[in-house]
Amino acid sequence: MMELSKYRQSFKVSKREKWLVAAALASALVYYMVDFFLLPYLDSSSAMTEKIAIYAKRVTNYRRLLRGQDSVKAALEETHRQVVAAEMGLLENNSDALANAELQGLIKEMVRAKGLNFRRSDLLPVKNVSPEYSKVSTHIEMTGNLDQVVALLTGLETAPQIFFIDELRILPMEINNPKNKQVSTSLMISGLKRAQPDSTMPAKKS
């Protein structure tokens, strides 16, 4: 018993040694926590930060594209409105023959409304100015006062329909009498219509 007691006394741990052992255990625990929990978390956090930055750039680009689509859409809608407004001035008939008759009727009505004397009119061939539109023209001759001719020209410019004056000739009825305001007028007037579908094209099979 005496020997065992002496043996225990020889292996008695001092306070300093206890503190060193506790410090070593604490260090091992901290290392374990850092190695298995903190470092992986930091790595995942860094990766997530990079992903967030990438996603943020993508979202910014998507928003920029969406804003661009909105501006393009608005421009297209405005262009469509302008086209619809402009097409209100087209002749109503798409057929070449009917459009010719419509143009002549409108011009005759305007000539007579201004007090001019309608003498004659000649139909001219319809010309395609684009795949969508055709130009319908007529040549007219009339007589009347110069102020009546000016009123007719003003009426053509302000008419609901789109009219073009391609040729204009005005000659006095009496060259040696400046007091006589009677003139002889020759006009070539054109209007626009939608192009007549080509009847020679084969019909589509349903």
N, C-alpha and C. Protein backbone atom coordinates (compact mmCIF):
# COMPACT_ATOMS: atom_id res chain seq x y z
N MET A 1 0.82 -1.20 0.00
CA MET A 1 0.00 0.00 0.00
C MET A 1 0.85 1.24 0.00
N MET A 2 1.95 1.17 0.77
CA MET A 2 2.85 2.32 0.82
C MET A 2 3.45 2.58 -0.54
N GLU A 3 3.78 1.48 -1.25
CA GLU A 3 4.39 1.66 -2.60
C GLU A 3 3.39 2.23 -3.58
N LEU A 4 2.13 1.81 -3.51
CA LEU A 4 1.09 2.33 -4.42
C LEU A 4 0.83 3.80 -4.13
N SER A 5 0.84 4.18 -2.88
CA SER A 5 0.64 5.59 -2.53
C SER A 5 1.77 6.44 -3.04
N LYS A 6 2.99 5.93 -2.93
CA LYS A 6 4.13 6.67 -3.45
C LYS A 6 4.05 6.79 -4.98
N TYR A 7 3.54 5.72 -5.61
CA TYR A 7 3.44 5.72 -7.09
C TYR A 7 2.43 6.78 -7.54
N ARG A 8 1.30 6.90 -6.82
CA ARG A 8 0.30 7.89 -7.17
C ARG A 8 0.81 9.30 -6.95
N GLN A 9 1.55 9.49 -5.91
CA GLN A 9 2.10 10.82 -5.65
C GLN A 9 3.10 11.23 -6.72
N SER A 10 3.85 10.23 -7.24
CA SER A 10 4.85 10.57 -8.26
C SER A 10 4.18 10.96 -9.57
N PHE A 11 2.95 10.49 -9.81
CA PHE A 11 2.24 10.83 -11.08
C PHE A 11 1.16 11.88 -10.85
N LYS A 12 1.23 12.63 -9.86
CA LYS A 12 0.27 13.69 -9.59
C LYS A 12 0.44 14.81 -10.59
N VAL A 13 -0.68 15.27 -11.24
CA VAL A 13 -0.66 16.31 -12.30
C VAL A 13 -0.76 17.67 -11.64
N SER A 14 0.12 18.54 -12.06
CA SER A 14 0.12 19.89 -11.49
C SER A 14 -0.96 20.73 -12.18
N LYS A 15 -1.23 21.90 -11.62
CA LYS A 15 -2.22 22.82 -12.20
C LYS A 15 -1.78 23.32 -13.57
N ARG A 16 -0.48 23.54 -13.73
CA ARG A 16 0.04 24.02 -15.02
C ARG A 16 -0.17 22.98 -16.09
N GLU A 17 0.09 21.70 -15.70
CA GLU A 17 -0.10 20.64 -16.67
C GLU A 17 -1.57 20.48 -17.02
N LYS A 18 -2.45 20.62 -16.01
CA LYS A 18 -3.88 20.57 -16.30
C LYS A 18 -4.29 21.67 -17.28
N TRP A 19 -3.74 22.85 -17.08
CA TRP A 19 -4.08 23.98 -17.97
C TRP A 19 -3.60 23.72 -19.38
N LEU A 20 -2.38 23.14 -19.51
CA LEU A 20 -1.85 22.82 -20.83
C LEU A 20 -2.72 21.78 -21.53
N VAL A 21 -3.14 20.77 -20.76
CA VAL A 21 -4.01 19.73 -21.35
C VAL A 21 -5.33 20.33 -21.81
N ALA A 22 -5.91 21.21 -20.99
CA ALA A 22 -7.18 21.85 -21.35
C ALA A 22 -7.02 22.72 -22.59
N ALA A 23 -5.87 23.42 -22.65
CA ALA A 23 -5.63 24.27 -23.81
C ALA A 23 -5.48 23.45 -25.07
N ALA A 24 -4.80 22.29 -24.93
CA ALA A 24 -4.62 21.42 -26.08
C ALA A 24 -5.96 20.88 -26.56
N LEU A 25 -6.80 20.47 -25.62
CA LEU A 25 -8.13 19.98 -26.00
C LEU A 25 -8.97 21.06 -26.67
N ALA A 26 -8.88 22.29 -26.12
CA ALA A 26 -9.64 23.40 -26.70
C ALA A 26 -9.15 23.70 -28.11
N SER A 27 -7.82 23.66 -28.29
CA SER A 27 -7.25 23.91 -29.62
C SER A 27 -7.70 22.85 -30.61
N ALA A 28 -7.70 21.61 -30.14
CA ALA A 28 -8.14 20.52 -31.02
C ALA A 28 -9.61 20.69 -31.40
N LEU A 29 -10.43 21.12 -30.41
CA LEU A 29 -11.85 21.33 -30.70
C LEU A 29 -12.05 22.47 -31.69
N VAL A 30 -11.30 23.56 -31.49
CA VAL A 30 -11.40 24.70 -32.41
C VAL A 30 -10.97 24.30 -33.81
N TYR A 31 -9.86 23.56 -33.91
CA TYR A 31 -9.38 23.10 -35.22
C TYR A 31 -10.43 22.22 -35.90
N TYR A 32 -11.03 21.36 -35.09
CA TYR A 32 -12.06 20.48 -35.64
C TYR A 32 -13.25 21.31 -36.16
N MET A 33 -13.70 22.28 -35.38
CA MET A 33 -14.82 23.11 -35.80
C MET A 33 -14.50 23.92 -37.05
N VAL A 34 -13.27 24.48 -37.06
CA VAL A 34 -12.87 25.27 -38.24
C VAL A 34 -12.77 24.40 -39.47
N ASP A 35 -12.16 23.21 -39.32
CA ASP A 35 -11.90 22.36 -40.47
C ASP A 35 -13.18 21.73 -41.02
N PHE A 36 -14.09 21.36 -40.15
CA PHE A 36 -15.26 20.62 -40.62
C PHE A 36 -16.53 21.48 -40.76
N PHE A 37 -16.52 22.67 -40.18
CA PHE A 37 -17.74 23.48 -40.24
C PHE A 37 -17.49 24.87 -40.84
N LEU A 38 -16.52 25.59 -40.28
CA LEU A 38 -16.32 26.97 -40.68
C LEU A 38 -15.78 27.08 -42.10
N LEU A 39 -14.72 26.31 -42.42
CA LEU A 39 -14.12 26.43 -43.76
C LEU A 39 -15.10 26.01 -44.87
N PRO A 40 -15.79 24.89 -44.73
CA PRO A 40 -16.79 24.57 -45.76
C PRO A 40 -17.87 25.63 -45.90
N TYR A 41 -18.28 26.21 -44.77
CA TYR A 41 -19.29 27.25 -44.83
C TYR A 41 -18.76 28.47 -45.59
N LEU A 42 -17.49 28.84 -45.28
CA LEU A 42 -16.91 29.98 -45.98
C LEU A 42 -16.79 29.71 -47.47
N ASP A 43 -16.39 28.48 -47.82
CA ASP A 43 -16.28 28.13 -49.25
C ASP A 43 -17.64 28.21 -49.93
N SER A 44 -18.65 27.64 -49.27
CA SER A 44 -19.99 27.68 -49.87
C SER A 44 -20.52 29.10 -49.94
N SER A 45 -20.20 29.90 -48.93
CA SER A 45 -20.64 31.29 -48.93
C SER A 45 -20.00 32.06 -50.07
N SER A 46 -18.69 31.83 -50.30
CA SER A 46 -18.00 32.49 -51.40
C SER A 46 -18.58 32.08 -52.74
N ALA A 47 -18.84 30.78 -52.88
CA ALA A 47 -19.44 30.29 -54.13
C ALA A 47 -20.82 30.88 -54.33
N MET A 48 -21.60 30.98 -53.26
CA MET A 48 -22.93 31.55 -53.37
C MET A 48 -22.87 33.02 -53.75
N THR A 49 -21.88 33.74 -53.20
CA THR A 49 -21.71 35.14 -53.55
C THR A 49 -21.43 35.30 -55.04
N GLU A 50 -20.57 34.44 -55.57
CA GLU A 50 -20.28 34.50 -57.01
C GLU A 50 -21.53 34.18 -57.82
N LYS A 51 -22.31 33.19 -57.39
CA LYS A 51 -23.53 32.85 -58.11
C LYS A 51 -24.52 34.00 -58.08
N ILE A 52 -24.62 34.65 -56.91
CA ILE A 52 -25.53 35.78 -56.80
C ILE A 52 -25.13 36.90 -57.76
N ALA A 53 -23.82 37.15 -57.86
CA ALA A 53 -23.34 38.19 -58.78
C ALA A 53 -23.67 37.83 -60.22
N ILE A 54 -23.50 36.55 -60.57
CA ILE A 54 -23.82 36.10 -61.94
C ILE A 54 -25.31 36.24 -62.21
N TYR A 55 -26.13 35.79 -61.25
CA TYR A 55 -27.58 35.90 -61.42
C TYR A 55 -28.02 37.36 -61.53
N ALA A 56 -27.39 38.22 -60.74
CA ALA A 56 -27.73 39.64 -60.78
C ALA A 56 -27.45 40.23 -62.16
N LYS A 57 -26.30 39.84 -62.74
CA LYS A 57 -25.99 40.32 -64.09
C LYS A 57 -26.99 39.80 -65.10
N ARG A 58 -27.36 38.53 -64.95
CA ARG A 58 -28.34 37.96 -65.88
C ARG A 58 -29.67 38.68 -65.79
N VAL A 59 -30.12 38.93 -64.56
CA VAL A 59 -31.39 39.62 -64.37
C VAL A 59 -31.33 41.03 -64.96
N THR A 60 -30.20 41.71 -64.77
CA THR A 60 -30.02 43.05 -65.34
C THR A 60 -30.11 43.01 -66.86
N ASN A 61 -29.45 42.02 -67.45
CA ASN A 61 -29.51 41.88 -68.91
C ASN A 61 -30.92 41.57 -69.39
N TYR A 62 -31.61 40.69 -68.65
CA TYR A 62 -32.99 40.36 -69.02
C TYR A 62 -33.89 41.59 -68.95
N ARG A 63 -33.70 42.37 -67.90
CA ARG A 63 -34.51 43.58 -67.77
C ARG A 63 -34.22 44.56 -68.89
N ARG A 64 -32.94 44.66 -69.28
CA ARG A 64 -32.58 45.55 -70.38
C ARG A 64 -33.23 45.10 -71.68
N LEU A 65 -33.23 43.78 -71.89
CA LEU A 65 -33.88 43.24 -73.09
C LEU A 65 -35.38 43.49 -73.07
N LEU A 66 -35.97 43.31 -71.89
CA LEU A 66 -37.41 43.55 -71.78
C LEU A 66 -37.75 45.01 -72.04
N ARG A 67 -36.92 45.93 -71.51
CA ARG A 67 -37.16 47.34 -71.78
C ARG A 67 -37.02 47.62 -73.26
N GLY A 68 -36.05 46.99 -73.91
CA GLY A 68 -35.89 47.16 -75.35
C GLY A 68 -37.09 46.65 -76.12
N GLN A 69 -37.65 45.51 -75.68
CA GLN A 69 -38.84 44.98 -76.33
C GLN A 69 -40.02 45.92 -76.16
N ASP A 70 -40.12 46.53 -74.99
CA ASP A 70 -41.22 47.47 -74.77
C ASP A 70 -41.10 48.66 -75.71
N SER A 71 -39.87 49.18 -75.88
CA SER A 71 -39.70 50.34 -76.76
C SER A 71 -39.98 49.96 -78.20
N VAL A 72 -39.53 48.78 -78.61
CA VAL A 72 -39.80 48.33 -79.97
C VAL A 72 -41.29 48.12 -80.17
N LYS A 73 -41.94 47.52 -79.19
CA LYS A 73 -43.38 47.29 -79.27
C LYS A 73 -44.12 48.61 -79.38
N ALA A 74 -43.71 49.60 -78.58
CA ALA A 74 -44.37 50.91 -78.63
C ALA A 74 -44.16 51.56 -80.00
N ALA A 75 -42.93 51.43 -80.53
CA ALA A 75 -42.66 52.02 -81.85
C ALA A 75 -43.48 51.34 -82.93
N LEU A 76 -43.62 50.02 -82.84
CA LEU A 76 -44.42 49.30 -83.83
C LEU A 76 -45.89 49.69 -83.74
N GLU A 77 -46.38 49.84 -82.52
CA GLU A 77 -47.78 50.23 -82.35
C GLU A 77 -48.01 51.63 -82.90
N GLU A 78 -47.07 52.54 -82.66
CA GLU A 78 -47.21 53.90 -83.18
C GLU A 78 -47.16 53.90 -84.70
N THR A 79 -46.24 53.11 -85.26
CA THR A 79 -46.16 53.00 -86.72
C THR A 79 -47.45 52.43 -87.30
N HIS A 80 -48.00 51.43 -86.62
CA HIS A 80 -49.27 50.84 -87.07
C HIS A 80 -50.38 51.87 -87.06
N ARG A 81 -50.44 52.69 -86.00
CA ARG A 81 -51.46 53.74 -85.94
C ARG A 81 -51.29 54.73 -87.08
N GLN A 82 -50.03 55.09 -87.38
CA GLN A 82 -49.79 56.04 -88.47
C GLN A 82 -50.19 55.45 -89.82
N VAL A 83 -49.91 54.16 -90.00
CA VAL A 83 -50.28 53.51 -91.26
C VAL A 83 -51.80 53.48 -91.42
N VAL A 84 -52.50 53.13 -90.31
CA VAL A 84 -53.96 53.09 -90.37
C VAL A 84 -54.52 54.47 -90.69
N ALA A 85 -53.95 55.51 -90.06
CA ALA A 85 -54.42 56.87 -90.33
C ALA A 85 -54.17 57.27 -91.78
N ALA A 86 -52.99 56.90 -92.30
CA ALA A 86 -52.66 57.24 -93.69
C ALA A 86 -53.54 56.48 -94.66
N GLU A 87 -53.85 55.23 -94.37
CA GLU A 87 -54.65 54.42 -95.29
C GLU A 87 -56.11 54.87 -95.33
N MET A 88 -56.51 55.72 -94.41
CA MET A 88 -57.86 56.27 -94.49
C MET A 88 -58.01 57.16 -95.71
N GLY A 89 -56.89 57.63 -96.27
CA GLY A 89 -56.94 58.47 -97.46
C GLY A 89 -56.87 57.69 -98.76
N LEU A 90 -56.84 56.36 -98.69
CA LEU A 90 -56.82 55.56 -99.91
C LEU A 90 -58.20 55.52 -100.55
N LEU A 91 -58.22 55.25 -101.85
CA LEU A 91 -59.49 55.01 -102.52
C LEU A 91 -60.12 53.74 -101.95
N GLU A 92 -61.41 53.71 -101.89
CA GLU A 92 -62.09 52.61 -101.23
C GLU A 92 -62.02 51.32 -102.03
N ASN A 93 -62.02 51.41 -103.35
CA ASN A 93 -62.07 50.22 -104.20
C ASN A 93 -60.66 49.71 -104.51
N ASN A 94 -60.48 48.41 -104.37
CA ASN A 94 -59.20 47.80 -104.70
C ASN A 94 -59.11 47.38 -106.16
N SER A 95 -60.24 47.17 -106.78
CA SER A 95 -60.26 46.81 -108.19
C SER A 95 -59.80 48.01 -109.02
N ASP A 96 -58.99 47.76 -110.05
CA ASP A 96 -58.47 48.84 -110.89
C ASP A 96 -59.60 49.60 -111.56
N ALA A 97 -60.55 48.88 -112.15
CA ALA A 97 -61.64 49.53 -112.86
C ALA A 97 -62.52 50.35 -111.92
N LEU A 98 -62.86 49.78 -110.78
CA LEU A 98 -63.71 50.50 -109.83
C LEU A 98 -62.98 51.69 -109.22
N ALA A 99 -61.67 51.55 -108.99
CA ALA A 99 -60.89 52.66 -108.44
C ALA A 99 -60.80 53.80 -109.45
N ASN A 100 -60.66 53.48 -110.73
CA ASN A 100 -60.65 54.51 -111.77
C ASN A 100 -61.97 55.28 -111.77
N ALA A 101 -63.08 54.53 -111.72
CA ALA A 101 -64.39 55.18 -111.71
C ALA A 101 -64.58 56.02 -110.45
N GLU A 102 -64.10 55.52 -109.31
CA GLU A 102 -64.21 56.27 -108.05
C GLU A 102 -63.43 57.57 -108.13
N LEU A 103 -62.20 57.51 -108.65
CA LEU A 103 -61.38 58.72 -108.75
C LEU A 103 -62.04 59.75 -109.67
N GLN A 104 -62.51 59.31 -110.81
CA GLN A 104 -63.16 60.25 -111.73
C GLN A 104 -64.39 60.88 -111.10
N GLY A 105 -65.18 60.08 -110.39
CA GLY A 105 -66.37 60.62 -109.75
C GLY A 105 -66.04 61.67 -108.70
N LEU A 106 -65.02 61.41 -107.89
CA LEU A 106 -64.62 62.37 -106.86
C LEU A 106 -64.12 63.68 -107.47
N ILE A 107 -63.30 63.58 -108.50
CA ILE A 107 -62.73 64.78 -109.11
C ILE A 107 -63.83 65.59 -109.80
N LYS A 108 -64.73 64.94 -110.53
CA LYS A 108 -65.83 65.65 -111.19
C LYS A 108 -66.68 66.38 -110.17
N GLU A 109 -66.96 65.73 -109.05
CA GLU A 109 -67.78 66.35 -108.01
C GLU A 109 -67.08 67.59 -107.45
N MET A 110 -65.78 67.51 -107.23
CA MET A 110 -65.05 68.66 -106.69
C MET A 110 -64.97 69.79 -107.70
N VAL A 111 -64.77 69.46 -108.98
CA VAL A 111 -64.70 70.49 -110.02
C VAL A 111 -66.01 71.26 -110.11
N ARG A 112 -67.11 70.53 -110.13
CA ARG A 112 -68.41 71.18 -110.24
C ARG A 112 -68.76 71.94 -108.95
N ALA A 113 -68.29 71.42 -107.78
CA ALA A 113 -68.58 72.11 -106.52
C ALA A 113 -67.89 73.48 -106.47
N LYS A 114 -66.79 73.65 -107.17
CA LYS A 114 -66.07 74.93 -107.19
C LYS A 114 -66.58 75.84 -108.31
N GLY A 115 -67.61 75.43 -109.04
CA GLY A 115 -68.19 76.27 -110.09
C GLY A 115 -67.46 76.22 -111.41
N LEU A 116 -66.56 75.27 -111.59
CA LEU A 116 -65.82 75.12 -112.84
C LEU A 116 -66.63 74.31 -113.84
N ASN A 117 -66.33 74.51 -115.11
CA ASN A 117 -66.99 73.78 -116.18
C ASN A 117 -66.14 72.57 -116.56
N PHE A 118 -66.67 71.40 -116.30
CA PHE A 118 -65.95 70.16 -116.61
C PHE A 118 -66.10 69.89 -118.10
N ARG A 119 -64.96 69.67 -118.78
CA ARG A 119 -65.00 69.46 -120.22
C ARG A 119 -64.79 68.00 -120.60
N ARG A 120 -63.73 67.38 -120.08
CA ARG A 120 -63.47 65.98 -120.43
C ARG A 120 -62.50 65.36 -119.41
N SER A 121 -62.44 64.06 -119.45
CA SER A 121 -61.49 63.33 -118.59
C SER A 121 -61.03 62.08 -119.32
N ASP A 122 -59.80 61.69 -119.07
CA ASP A 122 -59.22 60.51 -119.68
C ASP A 122 -58.64 59.63 -118.57
N LEU A 123 -58.95 58.35 -118.64
CA LEU A 123 -58.39 57.40 -117.68
C LEU A 123 -56.98 57.02 -118.12
N LEU A 124 -56.12 56.85 -117.15
CA LEU A 124 -54.73 56.44 -117.39
C LEU A 124 -54.49 55.07 -116.76
N PRO A 125 -53.50 54.34 -117.26
CA PRO A 125 -53.25 52.98 -116.71
C PRO A 125 -52.88 53.05 -115.22
N VAL A 126 -53.36 52.07 -114.49
CA VAL A 126 -53.01 51.94 -113.07
C VAL A 126 -51.59 51.42 -112.95
N LYS A 127 -50.81 52.03 -112.08
CA LYS A 127 -49.41 51.63 -111.91
C LYS A 127 -49.18 51.19 -110.46
N ASN A 128 -48.47 50.10 -110.31
CA ASN A 128 -48.09 49.64 -108.98
C ASN A 128 -46.89 50.44 -108.48
N VAL A 129 -47.01 51.04 -107.31
CA VAL A 129 -45.91 51.80 -106.73
C VAL A 129 -45.19 50.99 -105.65
N SER A 130 -45.80 49.89 -105.21
CA SER A 130 -45.19 48.99 -104.23
C SER A 130 -46.01 47.71 -104.25
N PRO A 131 -45.54 46.67 -103.57
CA PRO A 131 -46.36 45.44 -103.53
C PRO A 131 -47.72 45.64 -102.86
N GLU A 132 -47.86 46.70 -102.07
CA GLU A 132 -49.11 46.92 -101.34
C GLU A 132 -50.02 47.95 -101.97
N TYR A 133 -49.47 48.91 -102.73
CA TYR A 133 -50.27 50.04 -103.19
C TYR A 133 -50.11 50.27 -104.69
N SER A 134 -51.17 50.85 -105.27
CA SER A 134 -51.19 51.18 -106.70
C SER A 134 -51.60 52.64 -106.87
N LYS A 135 -51.16 53.22 -107.97
CA LYS A 135 -51.44 54.62 -108.28
C LYS A 135 -52.48 54.68 -109.39
N VAL A 136 -53.58 55.37 -109.11
CA VAL A 136 -54.67 55.54 -110.07
C VAL A 136 -54.67 57.00 -110.53
N SER A 137 -54.67 57.22 -111.84
CA SER A 137 -54.53 58.58 -112.37
C SER A 137 -55.62 58.88 -113.40
N THR A 138 -55.96 60.15 -113.50
CA THR A 138 -56.90 60.63 -114.51
C THR A 138 -56.47 62.00 -115.00
N HIS A 139 -56.73 62.27 -116.26
CA HIS A 139 -56.40 63.56 -116.87
C HIS A 139 -57.70 64.29 -117.15
N ILE A 140 -57.85 65.51 -116.64
CA ILE A 140 -59.10 66.25 -116.81
C ILE A 140 -58.81 67.62 -117.43
N GLU A 141 -59.83 68.14 -118.11
CA GLU A 141 -59.78 69.49 -118.66
C GLU A 141 -61.03 70.23 -118.22
N MET A 142 -60.86 71.53 -117.89
CA MET A 142 -61.97 72.32 -117.37
C MET A 142 -61.73 73.79 -117.68
N THR A 143 -62.76 74.58 -117.56
CA THR A 143 -62.67 76.03 -117.74
C THR A 143 -63.35 76.71 -116.57
N GLY A 144 -62.92 77.97 -116.32
CA GLY A 144 -63.51 78.73 -115.23
C GLY A 144 -62.61 79.88 -114.84
N ASN A 145 -62.98 80.55 -113.78
CA ASN A 145 -62.16 81.65 -113.29
C ASN A 145 -60.90 81.14 -112.59
N LEU A 146 -59.87 81.98 -112.57
CA LEU A 146 -58.61 81.58 -111.94
C LEU A 146 -58.78 81.32 -110.45
N ASP A 147 -59.59 82.14 -109.78
CA ASP A 147 -59.78 81.92 -108.34
C ASP A 147 -60.50 80.60 -108.06
N GLN A 148 -61.36 80.17 -109.01
CA GLN A 148 -62.01 78.88 -108.85
C GLN A 148 -61.01 77.73 -108.97
N VAL A 149 -60.06 77.88 -109.87
CA VAL A 149 -59.01 76.86 -110.03
C VAL A 149 -58.17 76.79 -108.75
N VAL A 150 -57.83 77.95 -108.19
CA VAL A 150 -57.06 77.97 -106.94
C VAL A 150 -57.84 77.30 -105.82
N ALA A 151 -59.13 77.53 -105.75
CA ALA A 151 -59.96 76.89 -104.73
C ALA A 151 -59.98 75.37 -104.93
N LEU A 152 -60.03 74.92 -106.19
CA LEU A 152 -60.00 73.49 -106.45
C LEU A 152 -58.69 72.87 -105.99
N LEU A 153 -57.57 73.54 -106.30
CA LEU A 153 -56.27 73.02 -105.89
C LEU A 153 -56.17 72.93 -104.36
N THR A 154 -56.70 73.95 -103.68
CA THR A 154 -56.70 73.92 -102.22
C THR A 154 -57.57 72.77 -101.70
N GLY A 155 -58.70 72.55 -102.36
CA GLY A 155 -59.57 71.45 -101.96
C GLY A 155 -58.93 70.09 -102.15
N LEU A 156 -58.14 69.95 -103.22
CA LEU A 156 -57.45 68.68 -103.44
C LEU A 156 -56.43 68.40 -102.34
N GLU A 157 -55.77 69.45 -101.86
CA GLU A 157 -54.76 69.28 -100.82
C GLU A 157 -55.38 68.94 -99.46
N THR A 158 -56.58 69.43 -99.21
CA THR A 158 -57.21 69.23 -97.90
C THR A 158 -58.28 68.14 -97.92
N ALA A 159 -58.43 67.44 -99.03
CA ALA A 159 -59.44 66.39 -99.14
C ALA A 159 -59.11 65.21 -98.25
N PRO A 160 -60.11 64.47 -97.80
CA PRO A 160 -59.84 63.27 -96.99
C PRO A 160 -59.01 62.24 -97.75
N GLN A 161 -59.19 62.17 -99.05
CA GLN A 161 -58.43 61.23 -99.85
C GLN A 161 -57.03 61.79 -100.14
N ILE A 162 -56.13 60.89 -100.47
CA ILE A 162 -54.76 61.30 -100.83
C ILE A 162 -54.72 61.54 -102.33
N PHE A 163 -54.56 62.81 -102.72
CA PHE A 163 -54.49 63.18 -104.13
C PHE A 163 -53.12 63.79 -104.43
N PHE A 164 -52.62 63.50 -105.63
CA PHE A 164 -51.37 64.08 -106.11
C PHE A 164 -51.64 64.80 -107.43
N ILE A 165 -51.09 65.98 -107.57
CA ILE A 165 -51.19 66.72 -108.82
C ILE A 165 -49.90 66.48 -109.59
N ASP A 166 -49.97 65.64 -110.61
CA ASP A 166 -48.77 65.29 -111.38
C ASP A 166 -48.46 66.31 -112.47
N GLU A 167 -49.51 66.91 -113.06
CA GLU A 167 -49.31 67.91 -114.11
C GLU A 167 -50.36 69.00 -113.94
N LEU A 168 -49.97 70.23 -114.27
CA LEU A 168 -50.90 71.36 -114.17
C LEU A 168 -50.56 72.37 -115.26
N ARG A 169 -51.55 72.68 -116.09
CA ARG A 169 -51.39 73.69 -117.14
C ARG A 169 -52.58 74.64 -117.10
N ILE A 170 -52.27 75.91 -117.03
CA ILE A 170 -53.31 76.94 -116.99
C ILE A 170 -53.04 77.93 -118.11
N LEU A 171 -54.02 78.13 -118.98
CA LEU A 171 -53.91 79.07 -120.11
C LEU A 171 -55.07 80.05 -120.08
N PRO A 172 -54.82 81.32 -120.33
CA PRO A 172 -55.94 82.29 -120.37
C PRO A 172 -56.83 82.03 -121.57
N MET A 173 -58.11 82.29 -121.40
CA MET A 173 -59.06 82.10 -122.49
C MET A 173 -58.88 83.18 -123.56
N GLU A 174 -58.53 84.41 -123.12
CA GLU A 174 -58.27 85.52 -124.04
C GLU A 174 -56.91 86.11 -123.69
N ILE A 175 -55.95 85.84 -124.51
CA ILE A 175 -54.57 86.27 -124.22
C ILE A 175 -54.45 87.79 -124.21
N ASN A 176 -55.15 88.47 -125.09
CA ASN A 176 -55.01 89.93 -125.22
C ASN A 176 -55.99 90.70 -124.34
N ASN A 177 -56.68 90.00 -123.46
CA ASN A 177 -57.64 90.68 -122.58
C ASN A 177 -57.33 90.31 -121.13
N PRO A 178 -56.45 91.07 -120.46
CA PRO A 178 -56.05 90.73 -119.09
C PRO A 178 -57.18 90.84 -118.07
N LYS A 179 -58.25 91.55 -118.41
CA LYS A 179 -59.37 91.68 -117.48
C LYS A 179 -60.19 90.40 -117.43
N ASN A 180 -60.10 89.59 -118.45
CA ASN A 180 -60.85 88.33 -118.47
C ASN A 180 -60.08 87.28 -117.67
N LYS A 181 -60.67 86.86 -116.56
CA LYS A 181 -60.01 85.88 -115.68
C LYS A 181 -60.36 84.45 -116.03
N GLN A 182 -61.08 84.27 -117.13
CA GLN A 182 -61.42 82.91 -117.54
C GLN A 182 -60.16 82.20 -118.04
N VAL A 183 -59.96 80.97 -117.56
CA VAL A 183 -58.78 80.21 -117.95
C VAL A 183 -59.21 78.79 -118.35
N SER A 184 -58.34 78.18 -119.14
CA SER A 184 -58.50 76.77 -119.50
C SER A 184 -57.43 75.99 -118.72
N THR A 185 -57.87 74.99 -117.98
CA THR A 185 -56.97 74.27 -117.08
C THR A 185 -56.94 72.80 -117.44
N SER A 186 -55.71 72.25 -117.43
CA SER A 186 -55.50 70.82 -117.65
C SER A 186 -54.77 70.26 -116.44
N LEU A 187 -55.33 69.19 -115.91
CA LEU A 187 -54.77 68.59 -114.69
C LEU A 187 -54.61 67.09 -114.86
N MET A 188 -53.52 66.57 -114.32
CA MET A 188 -53.41 65.12 -114.15
C MET A 188 -53.34 64.86 -112.65
N ILE A 189 -54.36 64.17 -112.17
CA ILE A 189 -54.52 63.94 -110.74
C ILE A 189 -54.43 62.45 -110.48
N SER A 190 -53.75 62.09 -109.39
CA SER A 190 -53.59 60.68 -109.03
C SER A 190 -54.04 60.46 -107.59
N GLY A 191 -54.51 59.24 -107.34
CA GLY A 191 -54.84 58.79 -106.00
C GLY A 191 -54.20 57.43 -105.74
N LEU A 192 -54.28 56.97 -104.52
CA LEU A 192 -53.68 55.70 -104.14
C LEU A 192 -54.76 54.72 -103.70
N LYS A 193 -54.51 53.44 -103.96
CA LYS A 193 -55.39 52.38 -103.51
C LYS A 193 -54.53 51.18 -103.14
N ARG A 194 -55.14 50.23 -102.48
CA ARG A 194 -54.44 48.98 -102.21
C ARG A 194 -54.30 48.20 -103.51
N ALA A 195 -53.17 47.53 -103.66
CA ALA A 195 -52.91 46.82 -104.90
C ALA A 195 -53.94 45.71 -105.09
N GLN A 196 -54.37 45.57 -106.35
CA GLN A 196 -55.34 44.53 -106.67
C GLN A 196 -54.65 43.18 -106.64
N PRO A 197 -55.22 42.19 -105.95
CA PRO A 197 -54.61 40.86 -105.95
C PRO A 197 -54.48 40.32 -107.36
N ASP A 198 -53.37 39.64 -107.61
CA ASP A 198 -53.12 39.08 -108.93
C ASP A 198 -54.03 37.89 -109.15
N SER A 199 -54.97 38.04 -110.06
CA SER A 199 -55.92 36.96 -110.31
C SER A 199 -55.30 35.79 -111.02
N THR A 200 -54.07 35.97 -111.57
CA THR A 200 -53.41 34.88 -112.27
C THR A 200 -52.68 33.94 -111.33
N MET A 201 -52.53 34.36 -110.04
CA MET A 201 -51.84 33.51 -109.07
C MET A 201 -52.72 32.34 -108.72
N PRO A 202 -52.17 31.12 -108.64
CA PRO A 202 -52.99 29.96 -108.29
C PRO A 202 -53.51 30.06 -106.88
N ALA A 203 -54.73 29.61 -106.69
CA ALA A 203 -55.34 29.67 -105.36
C ALA A 203 -54.69 28.68 -104.44
N LYS A 204 -54.57 29.03 -103.16
CA LYS A 204 -53.96 28.12 -102.20
C LYS A 204 -54.93 27.00 -101.85
N LYS A 205 -54.40 25.82 -101.71
CA LYS A 205 -55.22 24.68 -101.34
C LYS A 205 -55.53 24.73 -99.85
N SER A 206 -56.77 24.48 -99.52
CA SER A 206 -57.18 24.50 -98.12
C SER A 206 -56.89 23.17 -97.46
